[in-house]
Amino acid sequence: MFSDRKEIPVFQKEDIEKLLKKFNLYELFINGELICPFCNETITIDNFGCFYLTTNKEVSVCCSRPECLEKVAREISDESN
């Protein structure tokens, strides 16, 4: 599954607000309306997993649950093939 290595940009917790604003997700986040597309959990600062580009080329986020992060990895891997 992870045979191809990809460069992953890393950022600190303090940068999340700035990135959410950049991708027009900040209002959803502070209003408790930013939802993980895989488990429907509300995204908070404590369970923020990652930003990723969907198959529709839109920026989305997922929570930090390992199952959800694995689904993102699969989606990204499928898209690059």
C-alpha atoms as a PDB file:
ATOM      1  CA  MET A   1       0.000   0.000   0.000  1.00  0.00           C
ATOM      2  CA  PHE A   2       2.775   2.458   0.866  1.00  0.00           C
ATOM      3  CA  SER A   3       5.343   1.358  -1.685  1.00  0.00           C
ATOM      4  CA  ASP A   4       5.678   4.827  -3.227  1.00  0.00           C
ATOM      5  CA  ARG A   5       7.075   7.521  -0.967  1.00  0.00           C
ATOM      6  CA  LYS A   6       5.511  10.966  -1.157  1.00  0.00           C
ATOM      7  CA  GLU A   7       6.701  14.237   0.292  1.00  0.00           C
ATOM      8  CA  ILE A   8       4.279  15.394   2.967  1.00  0.00           C
ATOM      9  CA  PRO A   9       4.237  19.041   4.027  1.00  0.00           C
ATOM     10  CA  VAL A  10       4.284  19.356   7.805  1.00  0.00           C
ATOM     11  CA  PHE A  11       2.973  22.264   9.846  1.00  0.00           C
ATOM     12  CA  GLN A  12       2.583  23.090  13.493  1.00  0.00           C
ATOM     13  CA  LYS A  13      -0.655  23.269  15.446  1.00  0.00           C
ATOM     14  CA  GLU A  14      -0.362  27.058  15.494  1.00  0.00           C
ATOM     15  CA  ASP A  15      -0.517  27.120  11.680  1.00  0.00           C
ATOM     16  CA  ILE A  16      -3.868  25.329  11.428  1.00  0.00           C
ATOM     17  CA  GLU A  17      -5.902  28.532  11.838  1.00  0.00           C
ATOM     18  CA  LYS A  18      -3.969  30.263   9.067  1.00  0.00           C
ATOM     19  CA  LEU A  19      -4.350  27.282   6.730  1.00  0.00           C
ATOM     20  CA  LEU A  20      -8.056  26.900   7.485  1.00  0.00           C
ATOM     21  CA  LYS A  21      -8.533  30.559   6.571  1.00  0.00           C
ATOM     22  CA  LYS A  22      -6.501  30.118   3.385  1.00  0.00           C
ATOM     23  CA  PHE A  23      -8.742  27.242   2.283  1.00  0.00           C
ATOM     24  CA  ASN A  24     -11.975  28.993   3.373  1.00  0.00           C
ATOM     25  CA  LEU A  25     -12.694  26.391   6.059  1.00  0.00           C
ATOM     26  CA  TYR A  26     -12.126  28.543   9.143  1.00  0.00           C
ATOM     27  CA  GLU A  27     -15.745  29.634   9.665  1.00  0.00           C
ATOM     28  CA  LEU A  28     -16.922  26.033   9.506  1.00  0.00           C
ATOM     29  CA  PHE A  29     -14.187  25.083  11.967  1.00  0.00           C
ATOM     30  CA  ILE A  30     -14.943  27.714  14.616  1.00  0.00           C
ATOM     31  CA  ASN A  31     -18.687  27.088  14.298  1.00  0.00           C
ATOM     32  CA  GLY A  32     -18.223  23.355  14.899  1.00  0.00           C
ATOM     33  CA  GLU A  33     -19.437  22.548  11.397  1.00  0.00           C
ATOM     34  CA  LEU A  34     -16.251  21.100   9.919  1.00  0.00           C
ATOM     35  CA  ILE A  35     -16.912  17.373   9.753  1.00  0.00           C
ATOM     36  CA  CYS A  36     -14.651  14.436   8.930  1.00  0.00           C
ATOM     37  CA  PRO A  37     -16.036  12.982   5.677  1.00  0.00           C
ATOM     38  CA  PHE A  38     -15.211   9.428   6.770  1.00  0.00           C
ATOM     39  CA  CYS A  39     -16.595   9.157  10.320  1.00  0.00           C
ATOM     40  CA  ASN A  40     -18.752  12.309  10.590  1.00  0.00           C
ATOM     41  CA  GLU A  41     -16.833  13.464  13.682  1.00  0.00           C
ATOM     42  CA  THR A  42     -16.636  17.223  14.234  1.00  0.00           C
ATOM     43  CA  ILE A  43     -13.074  18.414  13.578  1.00  0.00           C
ATOM     44  CA  THR A  44     -11.496  20.224  16.530  1.00  0.00           C
ATOM     45  CA  ILE A  45      -7.990  21.400  17.295  1.00  0.00           C
ATOM     46  CA  ASP A  46      -7.504  18.256  19.377  1.00  0.00           C
ATOM     47  CA  ASN A  47      -8.570  15.739  16.718  1.00  0.00           C
ATOM     48  CA  PHE A  48      -7.348  17.505  13.566  1.00  0.00           C
ATOM     49  CA  GLY A  49      -5.768  14.907  11.299  1.00  0.00           C
ATOM     50  CA  CYS A  50      -4.778  16.381   7.957  1.00  0.00           C
ATOM     51  CA  PHE A  51      -5.579  18.526   4.966  1.00  0.00           C
ATOM     52  CA  TYR A  52      -5.866  16.649   1.691  1.00  0.00           C
ATOM     53  CA  LEU A  53      -6.957  17.174  -1.888  1.00  0.00           C
ATOM     54  CA  THR A  54     -10.135  15.253  -2.753  1.00  0.00           C
ATOM     55  CA  THR A  55     -10.753  13.481  -6.036  1.00  0.00           C
ATOM     56  CA  ASN A  56     -12.763  16.593  -6.998  1.00  0.00           C
ATOM     57  CA  LYS A  57      -9.601  18.696  -6.466  1.00  0.00           C
ATOM     58  CA  GLU A  58     -11.064  20.394  -3.382  1.00  0.00           C
ATOM     59  CA  VAL A  59      -9.190  20.860  -0.108  1.00  0.00           C
ATOM     60  CA  SER A  60     -10.738  18.887   2.712  1.00  0.00           C
ATOM     61  CA  VAL A  61      -9.734  17.785   6.197  1.00  0.00           C
ATOM     62  CA  CYS A  62     -10.133  14.622   8.197  1.00  0.00           C
ATOM     63  CA  CYS A  63      -9.881  13.771  11.855  1.00  0.00           C
ATOM     64  CA  SER A  64      -6.915  12.045  13.457  1.00  0.00           C
ATOM     65  CA  ARG A  65      -8.514   8.598  13.784  1.00  0.00           C
ATOM     66  CA  PRO A  66      -6.132   6.076  12.206  1.00  0.00           C
ATOM     67  CA  GLU A  67      -8.965   4.587  10.140  1.00  0.00           C
ATOM     68  CA  CYS A  68      -9.770   7.975   8.620  1.00  0.00           C
ATOM     69  CA  LEU A  69      -6.126   8.823   7.916  1.00  0.00           C
ATOM     70  CA  GLU A  70      -5.767   5.447   6.211  1.00  0.00           C
ATOM     71  CA  LYS A  71      -8.763   6.265   4.003  1.00  0.00           C
ATOM     72  CA  VAL A  72      -7.127   9.563   3.032  1.00  0.00           C
ATOM     73  CA  ALA A  73      -3.923   7.715   2.173  1.00  0.00           C
ATOM     74  CA  ARG A  74      -5.874   5.286  -0.010  1.00  0.00           C
ATOM     75  CA  GLU A  75      -7.768   8.125  -1.716  1.00  0.00           C
ATOM     76  CA  ILE A  76      -4.541   9.991  -2.445  1.00  0.00           C
ATOM     77  CA  SER A  77      -2.847   6.819  -3.638  1.00  0.00           C
ATOM     78  CA  ASP A  78      -5.762   5.919  -5.924  1.00  0.00           C
ATOM     79  CA  GLU A  79      -5.810   9.422  -7.378  1.00  0.00           C
ATOM     80  CA  SER A  80      -2.081   9.382  -8.232  1.00  0.00           C
ATOM     81  CA  ASN A  81      -2.294   6.076 -10.125  1.00  0.00           C
END
